[in-house]
């Protein structure tokens, strides 16, 4: 039986999470992509804490963006998460694409975060 898209993303994410671990020195930049929005968190897995978070659901981004489900919105979230992470003193992160392919909205978020100063 063929897996659904959601099930295949979940299996891929489990495989990725075996290798990708965020530490205090280099936390994990985790991405979650839904049909209509995109979410990003900088997570320290050793202390089980979220250091910074951003999404297209935030009021200041919602007023600027037409939709939360396009590459333009992902770029805005990428810049915002990078600014917030740098404000917390985080320069380097480990990128966790959340089981999604590195293409489209995920790629746009990653490139915008790199341009804003995060290195991964």
PDB file of N, CA and C in Angstrom:
ATOM      1  N   UNK A   1       0.833  -1.164   0.000  1.00  0.00           N
ATOM      2  CA  UNK A   1       0.000   0.000   0.000  1.00  0.00           C
ATOM      3  C   UNK A   1       0.891   1.246   0.000  1.00  0.00           C
ATOM      4  N   UNK A   2       0.526   2.210  -0.814  1.00  0.00           N
ATOM      5  CA  UNK A   2       1.297   3.436  -0.938  1.00  0.00           C
ATOM      6  C   UNK A   2       1.055   4.349   0.267  1.00  0.00           C
ATOM      7  N   UNK A   3       2.129   4.978   0.755  1.00  0.00           N
ATOM      8  CA  UNK A   3       2.021   5.906   1.878  1.00  0.00           C
ATOM      9  C   UNK A   3       1.408   7.220   1.418  1.00  0.00           C
ATOM     10  N   UNK A   4       0.678   7.853   2.313  1.00  0.00           N
ATOM     11  CA  UNK A   4       0.178   9.186   2.015  1.00  0.00           C
ATOM     12  C   UNK A   4       1.341  10.173   2.122  1.00  0.00           C
ATOM     13  N   UNK A   5       1.131  11.361   1.624  1.00  0.00           N
ATOM     14  CA  UNK A   5       2.179  12.380   1.675  1.00  0.00           C
ATOM     15  C   UNK A   5       2.552  12.698   3.125  1.00  0.00           C
ATOM     16  N   UNK A   6       1.548  12.811   3.975  1.00  0.00           N
ATOM     17  CA  UNK A   6       1.801  13.130   5.383  1.00  0.00           C
ATOM     18  C   UNK A   6       2.596  12.018   6.064  1.00  0.00           C
ATOM     19  N   UNK A   7       2.265  10.777   5.760  1.00  0.00           N
ATOM     20  CA  UNK A   7       2.974   9.647   6.368  1.00  0.00           C
ATOM     21  C   UNK A   7       4.414   9.575   5.880  1.00  0.00           C
ATOM     22  N   UNK A   8       4.642   9.860   4.604  1.00  0.00           N
ATOM     23  CA  UNK A   8       6.012   9.809   4.091  1.00  0.00           C
ATOM     24  C   UNK A   8       6.856  10.939   4.670  1.00  0.00           C
ATOM     25  N   UNK A   9       6.268  12.116   4.865  1.00  0.00           N
ATOM     26  CA  UNK A   9       6.986  13.228   5.499  1.00  0.00           C
ATOM     27  C   UNK A   9       7.328  12.865   6.942  1.00  0.00           C
ATOM     28  N   UNK A  10       6.395  12.235   7.634  1.00  0.00           N
ATOM     29  CA  UNK A  10       6.629  11.836   9.027  1.00  0.00           C
ATOM     30  C   UNK A  10       7.761  10.810   9.121  1.00  0.00           C
ATOM     31  N   UNK A  11       7.776   9.816   8.245  1.00  0.00           N
ATOM     32  CA  UNK A  11       8.842   8.809   8.260  1.00  0.00           C
ATOM     33  C   UNK A  11      10.197   9.438   7.946  1.00  0.00           C
ATOM     34  N   UNK A  12      10.218  10.344   6.978  1.00  0.00           N
ATOM     35  CA  UNK A  12      11.458  11.023   6.620  1.00  0.00           C
ATOM     36  C   UNK A  12      11.952  11.860   7.792  1.00  0.00           C
ATOM     37  N   UNK A  13      11.038  12.525   8.503  1.00  0.00           N
ATOM     38  CA  UNK A  13      11.421  13.351   9.642  1.00  0.00           C
ATOM     39  C   UNK A  13      11.994  12.497  10.768  1.00  0.00           C
ATOM     40  N   UNK A  14      11.452  11.315  10.995  1.00  0.00           N
ATOM     41  CA  UNK A  14      12.001  10.425  12.017  1.00  0.00           C
ATOM     42  C   UNK A  14      13.429  10.015  11.681  1.00  0.00           C
ATOM     43  N   UNK A  15      13.692   9.733  10.418  1.00  0.00           N
ATOM     44  CA  UNK A  15      15.057   9.375  10.000  1.00  0.00           C
ATOM     45  C   UNK A  15      16.012  10.541  10.202  1.00  0.00           C
ATOM     46  N   UNK A  16      15.576  11.741   9.863  1.00  0.00           N
ATOM     47  CA  UNK A  16      16.415  12.932  10.000  1.00  0.00           C
ATOM     48  C   UNK A  16      16.724  13.206  11.471  1.00  0.00           C
ATOM     49  N   UNK A  17      15.702  13.073  12.335  1.00  0.00           N
ATOM     50  CA  UNK A  17      15.876  13.401  13.746  1.00  0.00           C
ATOM     51  C   UNK A  17      16.829  12.462  14.470  1.00  0.00           C
ATOM     52  N   UNK A  18      17.085  11.284  13.912  1.00  0.00           N
ATOM     53  CA  UNK A  18      18.088  10.405  14.515  1.00  0.00           C
ATOM     54  C   UNK A  18      19.470  11.037  14.456  1.00  0.00           C
ATOM     55  N   UNK A  19      19.723  11.829  13.427  1.00  0.00           N
ATOM     56  CA  UNK A  19      21.052  12.410  13.218  1.00  0.00           C
ATOM     57  C   UNK A  19      21.151  13.875  13.628  1.00  0.00           C
ATOM     58  N   UNK A  20      20.053  14.606  13.568  1.00  0.00           N
ATOM     59  CA  UNK A  20      20.069  16.043  13.822  1.00  0.00           C
ATOM     60  C   UNK A  20      19.680  16.303  15.273  1.00  0.00           C
ATOM     61  N   UNK A  21      20.631  16.830  16.047  1.00  0.00           N
ATOM     62  CA  UNK A  21      20.394  17.143  17.457  1.00  0.00           C
ATOM     63  C   UNK A  21      20.924  18.544  17.726  1.00  0.00           C
ATOM     64  N   UNK A  22      20.111  19.360  18.378  1.00  0.00           N
ATOM     65  CA  UNK A  22      20.537  20.702  18.735  1.00  0.00           C
ATOM     66  C   UNK A  22      21.170  20.721  20.112  1.00  0.00           C
ATOM     67  N   UNK A  23      22.277  21.429  20.254  1.00  0.00           N
ATOM     68  CA  UNK A  23      22.958  21.565  21.539  1.00  0.00           C
ATOM     69  C   UNK A  23      22.905  23.026  21.979  1.00  0.00           C
ATOM     70  N   UNK A  24      23.462  23.308  23.135  1.00  0.00           N
ATOM     71  CA  UNK A  24      23.480  24.691  23.608  1.00  0.00           C
ATOM     72  C   UNK A  24      24.332  25.565  22.702  1.00  0.00           C
ATOM     73  N   UNK A  25      25.447  25.012  22.213  1.00  0.00           N
ATOM     74  CA  UNK A  25      26.331  25.771  21.339  1.00  0.00           C
ATOM     75  C   UNK A  25      25.813  25.905  19.921  1.00  0.00           C
ATOM     76  N   UNK A  26      25.056  24.902  19.482  1.00  0.00           N
ATOM     77  CA  UNK A  26      24.531  24.909  18.115  1.00  0.00           C
ATOM     78  C   UNK A  26      23.111  24.328  18.120  1.00  0.00           C
ATOM     79  N   UNK A  27      22.106  25.162  18.419  1.00  0.00           N
ATOM     80  CA  UNK A  27      20.740  24.661  18.496  1.00  0.00           C
ATOM     81  C   UNK A  27      20.173  24.275  17.129  1.00  0.00           C
ATOM     82  N   UNK A  28      19.012  23.663  17.152  1.00  0.00           N
ATOM     83  CA  UNK A  28      18.367  23.140  15.944  1.00  0.00           C
ATOM     84  C   UNK A  28      17.331  24.139  15.441  1.00  0.00           C
ATOM     85  N   UNK A  29      17.402  24.474  14.146  1.00  0.00           N
ATOM     86  CA  UNK A  29      16.387  25.300  13.491  1.00  0.00           C
ATOM     87  C   UNK A  29      15.378  24.349  12.872  1.00  0.00           C
ATOM     88  N   UNK A  30      14.229  24.212  13.514  1.00  0.00           N
ATOM     89  CA  UNK A  30      13.214  23.253  13.098  1.00  0.00           C
ATOM     90  C   UNK A  30      12.129  23.954  12.290  1.00  0.00           C
ATOM     91  N   UNK A  31      11.726  23.330  11.179  1.00  0.00           N
ATOM     92  CA  UNK A  31      10.723  23.885  10.276  1.00  0.00           C
ATOM     93  C   UNK A  31       9.496  22.986  10.287  1.00  0.00           C
ATOM     94  N   UNK A  32       8.318  23.580  10.360  1.00  0.00           N
ATOM     95  CA  UNK A  32       7.074  22.848  10.139  1.00  0.00           C
ATOM     96  C   UNK A  32       6.296  23.589   9.068  1.00  0.00           C
ATOM     97  N   UNK A  33       5.893  22.851   8.048  1.00  0.00           N
ATOM     98  CA  UNK A  33       5.181  23.444   6.921  1.00  0.00           C
ATOM     99  C   UNK A  33       3.789  22.830   6.846  1.00  0.00           C
ATOM    100  N   UNK A  34       2.763  23.670   6.928  1.00  0.00           N
ATOM    101  CA  UNK A  34       1.396  23.197   6.747  1.00  0.00           C
ATOM    102  C   UNK A  34       0.894  23.701   5.395  1.00  0.00           C
ATOM    103  N   UNK A  35      -0.358  23.416   5.092  1.00  0.00           N
ATOM    104  CA  UNK A  35      -0.905  23.851   3.807  1.00  0.00           C
ATOM    105  C   UNK A  35      -0.915  25.370   3.695  1.00  0.00           C
ATOM    106  N   UNK A  36      -1.255  26.060   4.788  1.00  0.00           N
ATOM    107  CA  UNK A  36      -1.456  27.501   4.701  1.00  0.00           C
ATOM    108  C   UNK A  36      -0.409  28.343   5.425  1.00  0.00           C
ATOM    109  N   UNK A  37       0.444  27.730   6.233  1.00  0.00           N
ATOM    110  CA  UNK A  37       1.403  28.506   7.018  1.00  0.00           C
ATOM    111  C   UNK A  37       2.729  27.775   7.117  1.00  0.00           C
ATOM    112  N   UNK A  38       3.741  28.488   7.620  1.00  0.00           N
ATOM    113  CA  UNK A  38       5.041  27.882   7.886  1.00  0.00           C
ATOM    114  C   UNK A  38       5.521  28.382   9.245  1.00  0.00           C
ATOM    115  N   UNK A  39       6.138  27.499   9.990  1.00  0.00           N
ATOM    116  CA  UNK A  39       6.574  27.777  11.356  1.00  0.00           C
ATOM    117  C   UNK A  39       8.054  27.442  11.471  1.00  0.00           C
ATOM    118  N   UNK A  40       8.792  28.214  12.275  1.00  0.00           N
ATOM    119  CA  UNK A  40      10.213  27.946  12.508  1.00  0.00           C
ATOM    120  C   UNK A  40      10.509  28.146  13.992  1.00  0.00           C
ATOM    121  N   UNK A  41      11.343  27.254  14.542  1.00  0.00           N
ATOM    122  CA  UNK A  41      11.752  27.356  15.939  1.00  0.00           C
ATOM    123  C   UNK A  41      13.236  27.067  16.042  1.00  0.00           C
ATOM    124  N   UNK A  42      13.914  27.771  16.934  1.00  0.00           N
ATOM    125  CA  UNK A  42      15.295  27.463  17.278  1.00  0.00           C
ATOM    126  C   UNK A  42      15.239  26.766  18.635  1.00  0.00           C
ATOM    127  N   UNK A  43      15.659  25.484  18.659  1.00  0.00           N
ATOM    128  CA  UNK A  43      15.458  24.627  19.826  1.00  0.00           C
ATOM    129  C   UNK A  43      16.792  24.120  20.359  1.00  0.00           C
ATOM    130  N   UNK A  44      16.969  24.220  21.675  1.00  0.00           N
ATOM    131  CA  UNK A  44      18.104  23.608  22.364  1.00  0.00           C
ATOM    132  C   UNK A  44      17.612  22.275  22.911  1.00  0.00           C
ATOM    133  N   UNK A  45      17.975  21.169  22.251  1.00  0.00           N
ATOM    134  CA  UNK A  45      17.480  19.851  22.636  1.00  0.00           C
ATOM    135  C   UNK A  45      18.065  19.363  23.957  1.00  0.00           C
ATOM    136  N   UNK A  46      19.252  19.820  24.315  1.00  0.00           N
ATOM    137  CA  UNK A  46      19.853  19.351  25.564  1.00  0.00           C
ATOM    138  C   UNK A  46      19.100  19.881  26.790  1.00  0.00           C
ATOM    139  N   UNK A  47      18.550  21.089  26.689  1.00  0.00           N
ATOM    140  CA  UNK A  47      17.780  21.665  27.797  1.00  0.00           C
ATOM    141  C   UNK A  47      16.274  21.619  27.550  1.00  0.00           C
ATOM    142  N   UNK A  48      15.856  21.130  26.376  1.00  0.00           N
ATOM    143  CA  UNK A  48      14.440  21.043  26.006  1.00  0.00           C
ATOM    144  C   UNK A  48      13.772  22.418  26.062  1.00  0.00           C
ATOM    145  N   UNK A  49      14.429  23.411  25.439  1.00  0.00           N
ATOM    146  CA  UNK A  49      13.912  24.774  25.444  1.00  0.00           C
ATOM    147  C   UNK A  49      13.852  25.327  24.036  1.00  0.00           C
ATOM    148  N   UNK A  50      12.816  26.102  23.774  1.00  0.00           N
ATOM    149  CA  UNK A  50      12.716  26.841  22.526  1.00  0.00           C
ATOM    150  C   UNK A  50      13.312  28.223  22.766  1.00  0.00           C
ATOM    151  N   UNK A  51      14.341  28.562  21.996  1.00  0.00           N
ATOM    152  CA  UNK A  51      15.035  29.835  22.183  1.00  0.00           C
ATOM    153  C   UNK A  51      14.380  30.965  21.399  1.00  0.00           C
ATOM    154  N   UNK A  52      13.859  30.651  20.211  1.00  0.00           N
ATOM    155  CA  UNK A  52      13.208  31.659  19.375  1.00  0.00           C
ATOM    156  C   UNK A  52      12.196  30.961  18.481  1.00  0.00           C
ATOM    157  N   UNK A  53      11.152  31.688  18.115  1.00  0.00           N
ATOM    158  CA  UNK A  53      10.124  31.117  17.246  1.00  0.00           C
ATOM    159  C   UNK A  53       9.553  32.210  16.357  1.00  0.00           C
ATOM    160  N   UNK A  54       9.089  31.803  15.173  1.00  0.00           N
ATOM    161  CA  UNK A  54       8.438  32.726  14.246  1.00  0.00           C
ATOM    162  C   UNK A  54       7.517  31.923  13.339  1.00  0.00           C
ATOM    163  N   UNK A  55       6.445  32.551  12.899  1.00  0.00           N
ATOM    164  CA  UNK A  55       5.537  31.889  11.968  1.00  0.00           C
ATOM    165  C   UNK A  55       4.766  32.941  11.181  1.00  0.00           C
ATOM    166  N   UNK A  56       4.049  32.475  10.176  1.00  0.00           N
ATOM    167  CA  UNK A  56       3.238  33.383   9.370  1.00  0.00           C
ATOM    168  C   UNK A  56       1.945  33.758  10.079  1.00  0.00           C
ATOM    169  N   UNK A  57       1.694  33.215  11.260  1.00  0.00           N
ATOM    170  CA  UNK A  57       0.497  33.556  12.031  1.00  0.00           C
ATOM    171  C   UNK A  57       0.684  34.800  12.895  1.00  0.00           C
ATOM    172  N   UNK A  58       1.890  35.328  12.955  1.00  0.00           N
ATOM    173  CA  UNK A  58       2.150  36.486  13.806  1.00  0.00           C
ATOM    174  C   UNK A  58       1.477  37.730  13.231  1.00  0.00           C
ATOM    175  N   UNK A  59       0.901  38.561  14.097  1.00  0.00           N
ATOM    176  CA  UNK A  59       0.122  39.710  13.620  1.00  0.00           C
ATOM    177  C   UNK A  59       0.898  40.675  12.727  1.00  0.00           C
ATOM    178  N   UNK A  60       2.166  40.952  13.049  1.00  0.00           N
ATOM    179  CA  UNK A  60       2.922  41.900  12.224  1.00  0.00           C
ATOM    180  C   UNK A  60       3.212  41.338  10.835  1.00  0.00           C
ATOM    181  N   UNK A  61       3.381  40.031  10.713  1.00  0.00           N
ATOM    182  CA  UNK A  61       3.594  39.430   9.398  1.00  0.00           C
ATOM    183  C   UNK A  61       2.286  39.276   8.630  1.00  0.00           C
ATOM    184  N   UNK A  62       1.204  38.992   9.326  1.00  0.00           N
ATOM    185  CA  UNK A  62      -0.083  38.791   8.653  1.00  0.00           C
ATOM    186  C   UNK A  62      -0.548  40.054   7.950  1.00  0.00           C
ATOM    187  N   UNK A  63      -0.237  41.224   8.525  1.00  0.00           N
ATOM    188  CA  UNK A  63      -0.670  42.465   7.889  1.00  0.00           C
ATOM    189  C   UNK A  63       0.153  42.763   6.645  1.00  0.00           C
ATOM    190  N   UNK A  64       1.405  42.331   6.624  1.00  0.00           N
ATOM    191  CA  UNK A  64       2.286  42.607   5.491  1.00  0.00           C
ATOM    192  C   UNK A  64       2.079  41.639   4.331  1.00  0.00           C
ATOM    193  N   UNK A  65       1.690  40.400   4.632  1.00  0.00           N
ATOM    194  CA  UNK A  65       1.645  39.350   3.620  1.00  0.00           C
ATOM    195  C   UNK A  65       0.228  39.110   3.109  1.00  0.00           C
ATOM    196  N   UNK A  66       0.142  38.771   1.811  1.00  0.00           N
ATOM    197  CA  UNK A  66      -1.149  38.377   1.248  1.00  0.00           C
ATOM    198  C   UNK A  66      -1.557  37.010   1.760  1.00  0.00           C
ATOM    199  N   UNK A  67      -0.617  36.056   1.641  1.00  0.00           N
ATOM    200  CA  UNK A  67      -0.869  34.670   2.021  1.00  0.00           C
ATOM    201  C   UNK A  67       0.274  34.189   2.898  1.00  0.00           C
ATOM    202  N   UNK A  68       0.018  33.160   3.672  1.00  0.00           N
ATOM    203  CA  UNK A  68       1.065  32.570   4.489  1.00  0.00           C
ATOM    204  C   UNK A  68       1.666  31.335   3.865  1.00  0.00           C
ATOM    205  N   UNK A  69       1.233  31.014   2.648  1.00  0.00           N
ATOM    206  CA  UNK A  69       1.638  29.741   2.052  1.00  0.00           C
ATOM    207  C   UNK A  69       2.450  29.906   0.776  1.00  0.00           C
ATOM    208  N   UNK A  70       3.204  30.997   0.661  1.00  0.00           N
ATOM    209  CA  UNK A  70       4.047  31.147  -0.526  1.00  0.00           C
ATOM    210  C   UNK A  70       5.494  31.425  -0.119  1.00  0.00           C
ATOM    211  N   UNK A  71       6.371  31.471  -1.097  1.00  0.00           N
ATOM    212  CA  UNK A  71       7.802  31.653  -0.825  1.00  0.00           C
ATOM    213  C   UNK A  71       8.094  33.021  -0.209  1.00  0.00           C
ATOM    214  N   UNK A  72       7.324  34.021  -0.578  1.00  0.00           N
ATOM    215  CA  UNK A  72       7.519  35.355  -0.006  1.00  0.00           C
ATOM    216  C   UNK A  72       7.286  35.333   1.508  1.00  0.00           C
ATOM    217  N   UNK A  73       6.261  34.631   1.935  1.00  0.00           N
ATOM    218  CA  UNK A  73       5.972  34.507   3.367  1.00  0.00           C
ATOM    219  C   UNK A  73       7.073  33.723   4.073  1.00  0.00           C
ATOM    220  N   UNK A  74       7.586  32.688   3.420  1.00  0.00           N
ATOM    221  CA  UNK A  74       8.665  31.891   4.008  1.00  0.00           C
ATOM    222  C   UNK A  74       9.929  32.717   4.179  1.00  0.00           C
ATOM    223  N   UNK A  75      10.218  33.577   3.216  1.00  0.00           N
ATOM    224  CA  UNK A  75      11.387  34.453   3.328  1.00  0.00           C
ATOM    225  C   UNK A  75      11.234  35.404   4.513  1.00  0.00           C
ATOM    226  N   UNK A  76      10.040  35.939   4.707  1.00  0.00           N
ATOM    227  CA  UNK A  76       9.799  36.847   5.833  1.00  0.00           C
ATOM    228  C   UNK A  76       9.990  36.125   7.166  1.00  0.00           C
ATOM    229  N   UNK A  77       9.521  34.889   7.257  1.00  0.00           N
ATOM    230  CA  UNK A  77       9.691  34.105   8.486  1.00  0.00           C
ATOM    231  C   UNK A  77      11.168  33.781   8.699  1.00  0.00           C
ATOM    232  N   UNK A  78      11.896  33.477   7.622  1.00  0.00           N
ATOM    233  CA  UNK A  78      13.324  33.189   7.723  1.00  0.00           C
ATOM    234  C   UNK A  78      14.111  34.369   8.262  1.00  0.00           C
ATOM    235  N   UNK A  79      13.809  35.563   7.768  1.00  0.00           N
ATOM    236  CA  UNK A  79      14.489  36.763   8.265  1.00  0.00           C
ATOM    237  C   UNK A  79      14.150  37.020   9.732  1.00  0.00           C
ATOM    238  N   UNK A  80      12.882  36.833  10.074  1.00  0.00           N
ATOM    239  CA  UNK A  80      12.437  37.085  11.443  1.00  0.00           C
ATOM    240  C   UNK A  80      13.054  36.102  12.435  1.00  0.00           C
ATOM    241  N   UNK A  81      13.111  34.825  12.081  1.00  0.00           N
ATOM    242  CA  UNK A  81      13.692  33.830  12.994  1.00  0.00           C
ATOM    243  C   UNK A  81      15.190  34.068  13.157  1.00  0.00           C
ATOM    244  N   UNK A  82      15.859  34.507  12.094  1.00  0.00           N
ATOM    245  CA  UNK A  82      17.292  34.799  12.196  1.00  0.00           C
ATOM    246  C   UNK A  82      17.537  35.991  13.116  1.00  0.00           C
ATOM    247  N   UNK A  83      16.726  37.034  12.979  1.00  0.00           N
ATOM    248  CA  UNK A  83      16.878  38.206  13.845  1.00  0.00           C
ATOM    249  C   UNK A  83      16.668  37.839  15.312  1.00  0.00           C
ATOM    250  N   UNK A  84      15.647  37.041  15.572  1.00  0.00           N
ATOM    251  CA  UNK A  84      15.352  36.657  16.954  1.00  0.00           C
ATOM    252  C   UNK A  84      16.414  35.729  17.524  1.00  0.00           C
ATOM    253  N   UNK A  85      16.945  34.837  16.701  1.00  0.00           N
ATOM    254  CA  UNK A  85      17.996  33.930  17.172  1.00  0.00           C
ATOM    255  C   UNK A  85      19.273  34.701  17.479  1.00  0.00           C
ATOM    256  N   UNK A  86      19.633  35.635  16.615  1.00  0.00           N
ATOM    257  CA  UNK A  86      20.840  36.435  16.829  1.00  0.00           C
ATOM    258  C   UNK A  86      20.676  37.301  18.083  1.00  0.00           C
ATOM    259  N   UNK A  87      19.462  37.794  18.331  1.00  0.00           N
ATOM    260  CA  UNK A  87      19.205  38.563  19.552  1.00  0.00           C
ATOM    261  C   UNK A  87      19.389  37.705  20.806  1.00  0.00           C
ATOM    262  N   UNK A  88      19.166  36.398  20.694  1.00  0.00           N
ATOM    263  CA  UNK A  88      19.379  35.471  21.806  1.00  0.00           C
ATOM    264  C   UNK A  88      20.831  35.012  21.905  1.00  0.00           C
ATOM    265  N   UNK A  89      21.683  35.439  20.969  1.00  0.00           N
ATOM    266  CA  UNK A  89      23.094  35.074  20.999  1.00  0.00           C
ATOM    267  C   UNK A  89      23.425  33.821  20.211  1.00  0.00           C
ATOM    268  N   UNK A  90      22.544  33.408  19.330  1.00  0.00           N
ATOM    269  CA  UNK A  90      22.756  32.199  18.522  1.00  0.00           C
ATOM    270  C   UNK A  90      23.228  32.617  17.135  1.00  0.00           C
ATOM    271  N   UNK A  91      24.424  32.154  16.742  1.00  0.00           N
ATOM    272  CA  UNK A  91      24.957  32.449  15.411  1.00  0.00           C
ATOM    273  C   UNK A  91      24.900  31.235  14.491  1.00  0.00           C
ATOM    274  N   UNK A  92      25.136  30.046  15.057  1.00  0.00           N
ATOM    275  CA  UNK A  92      25.158  28.810  14.269  1.00  0.00           C
ATOM    276  C   UNK A  92      24.026  27.903  14.706  1.00  0.00           C
ATOM    277  N   UNK A  93      23.384  27.268  13.728  1.00  0.00           N
ATOM    278  CA  UNK A  93      22.308  26.324  14.009  1.00  0.00           C
ATOM    279  C   UNK A  93      22.494  25.074  13.163  1.00  0.00           C
ATOM    280  N   UNK A  94      21.758  24.030  13.527  1.00  0.00           N
ATOM    281  CA  UNK A  94      21.664  22.814  12.724  1.00  0.00           C
ATOM    282  C   UNK A  94      20.294  22.864  12.068  1.00  0.00           C
ATOM    283  N   UNK A  95      20.221  22.695  10.757  1.00  0.00           N
ATOM    284  CA  UNK A  95      18.957  22.842  10.033  1.00  0.00           C
ATOM    285  C   UNK A  95      18.186  21.531  10.022  1.00  0.00           C
ATOM    286  N   UNK A  96      16.954  21.573  10.512  1.00  0.00           N
ATOM    287  CA  UNK A  96      16.047  20.422  10.517  1.00  0.00           C
ATOM    288  C   UNK A  96      14.876  20.781   9.609  1.00  0.00           C
ATOM    289  N   UNK A  97      14.850  20.210   8.419  1.00  0.00           N
ATOM    290  CA  UNK A  97      13.829  20.564   7.433  1.00  0.00           C
ATOM    291  C   UNK A  97      12.486  19.912   7.701  1.00  0.00           C
ATOM    292  N   UNK A  98      12.390  19.155   8.772  1.00  0.00           N
ATOM    293  CA  UNK A  98      11.113  18.616   9.200  1.00  0.00           C
ATOM    294  C   UNK A  98      10.530  17.551   8.300  1.00  0.00           C
ATOM    295  N   UNK A  99      11.367  16.830   7.578  1.00  0.00           N
ATOM    296  CA  UNK A  99      10.874  15.784   6.695  1.00  0.00           C
ATOM    297  C   UNK A  99      10.447  16.280   5.336  1.00  0.00           C
ATOM    298  N   UNK A 100      10.438  17.593   5.139  1.00  0.00           N
ATOM    299  CA  UNK A 100      10.072  18.158   3.843  1.00  0.00           C
ATOM    300  C   UNK A 100      11.286  18.187   2.937  1.00  0.00           C
ATOM    301  N   UNK A 101      11.051  18.168   1.642  1.00  0.00           N
ATOM    302  CA  UNK A 101      12.145  18.279   0.692  1.00  0.00           C
ATOM    303  C   UNK A 101      12.719  19.688   0.740  1.00  0.00           C
ATOM    304  N   UNK A 102      14.025  19.808   0.492  1.00  0.00           N
ATOM    305  CA  UNK A 102      14.682  21.118   0.481  1.00  0.00           C
ATOM    306  C   UNK A 102      14.377  21.770  -0.864  1.00  0.00           C
ATOM    307  N   UNK A 103      13.190  22.334  -0.959  1.00  0.00           N
ATOM    308  CA  UNK A 103      12.708  22.900  -2.212  1.00  0.00           C
ATOM    309  C   UNK A 103      11.567  23.854  -1.881  1.00  0.00           C
ATOM    310  N   UNK A 104      11.389  24.869  -2.678  1.00  0.00           N
ATOM    311  CA  UNK A 104      10.242  25.752  -2.522  1.00  0.00           C
ATOM    312  C   UNK A 104      10.275  26.566  -1.251  1.00  0.00           C
ATOM    313  N   UNK A 105       9.228  26.439  -0.442  1.00  0.00           N
ATOM    314  CA  UNK A 105       9.083  27.263   0.763  1.00  0.00           C
ATOM    315  C   UNK A 105      10.144  26.974   1.806  1.00  0.00           C
ATOM    316  N   UNK A 106      10.545  25.707   1.942  1.00  0.00           N
ATOM    317  CA  UNK A 106      11.578  25.349   2.918  1.00  0.00           C
ATOM    318  C   UNK A 106      12.916  25.956   2.500  1.00  0.00           C
ATOM    319  N   UNK A 107      13.228  25.869   1.221  1.00  0.00           N
ATOM    320  CA  UNK A 107      14.474  26.439   0.702  1.00  0.00           C
ATOM    321  C   UNK A 107      14.474  27.961   0.838  1.00  0.00           C
ATOM    322  N   UNK A 108      13.338  28.604   0.563  1.00  0.00           N
ATOM    323  CA  UNK A 108      13.242  30.061   0.675  1.00  0.00           C
ATOM    324  C   UNK A 108      13.480  30.516   2.113  1.00  0.00           C
ATOM    325  N   UNK A 109      12.915  29.794   3.081  1.00  0.00           N
ATOM    326  CA  UNK A 109      13.120  30.131   4.489  1.00  0.00           C
ATOM    327  C   UNK A 109      14.585  29.977   4.873  1.00  0.00           C
ATOM    328  N   UNK A 110      15.199  28.882   4.446  1.00  0.00           N
ATOM    329  CA  UNK A 110      16.599  28.622   4.797  1.00  0.00           C
ATOM    330  C   UNK A 110      17.527  29.685   4.210  1.00  0.00           C
ATOM    331  N   UNK A 111      17.319  30.035   2.953  1.00  0.00           N
ATOM    332  CA  UNK A 111      18.186  31.031   2.317  1.00  0.00           C
ATOM    333  C   UNK A 111      18.006  32.410   2.946  1.00  0.00           C
ATOM    334  N   UNK A 112      16.778  32.769   3.311  1.00  0.00           N
ATOM    335  CA  UNK A 112      16.541  34.059   3.959  1.00  0.00           C
ATOM    336  C   UNK A 112      17.193  34.106   5.341  1.00  0.00           C
ATOM    337  N   UNK A 113      17.161  32.997   6.063  1.00  0.00           N
ATOM    338  CA  UNK A 113      17.805  32.949   7.383  1.00  0.00           C
ATOM    339  C   UNK A 113      19.318  33.077   7.243  1.00  0.00           C
ATOM    340  N   UNK A 114      19.881  32.457   6.207  1.00  0.00           N
ATOM    341  CA  UNK A 114      21.330  32.582   5.967  1.00  0.00           C
ATOM    342  C   UNK A 114      21.699  34.018   5.634  1.00  0.00           C
ATOM    343  N   UNK A 115      20.907  34.665   4.782  1.00  0.00           N
ATOM    344  CA  UNK A 115      21.187  36.049   4.398  1.00  0.00           C
ATOM    345  C   UNK A 115      21.086  36.992   5.598  1.00  0.00           C
ATOM    346  N   UNK A 116      20.208  36.658   6.544  1.00  0.00           N
ATOM    347  CA  UNK A 116      20.023  37.509   7.718  1.00  0.00           C
ATOM    348  C   UNK A 116      21.082  37.281   8.796  1.00  0.00           C
ATOM    349  N   UNK A 117      21.974  36.288   8.599  1.00  0.00           N
ATOM    350  CA  UNK A 117      23.093  36.148   9.523  1.00  0.00           C
ATOM    351  C   UNK A 117      23.269  34.804  10.197  1.00  0.00           C
ATOM    352  N   UNK A 118      22.319  33.889  10.078  1.00  0.00           N
ATOM    353  CA  UNK A 118      22.507  32.556  10.664  1.00  0.00           C
ATOM    354  C   UNK A 118      23.402  31.727   9.761  1.00  0.00           C
ATOM    355  N   UNK A 119      24.226  30.883  10.352  1.00  0.00           N
ATOM    356  CA  UNK A 119      25.066  30.007   9.535  1.00  0.00           C
ATOM    357  C   UNK A 119      24.715  28.557   9.825  1.00  0.00           C
ATOM    358  N   UNK A 120      24.493  27.812   8.746  1.00  0.00           N
ATOM    359  CA  UNK A 120      24.245  26.373   8.805  1.00  0.00           C
ATOM    360  C   UNK A 120      24.512  25.778   7.448  1.00  0.00           C
TER     361      UNK A 120
END
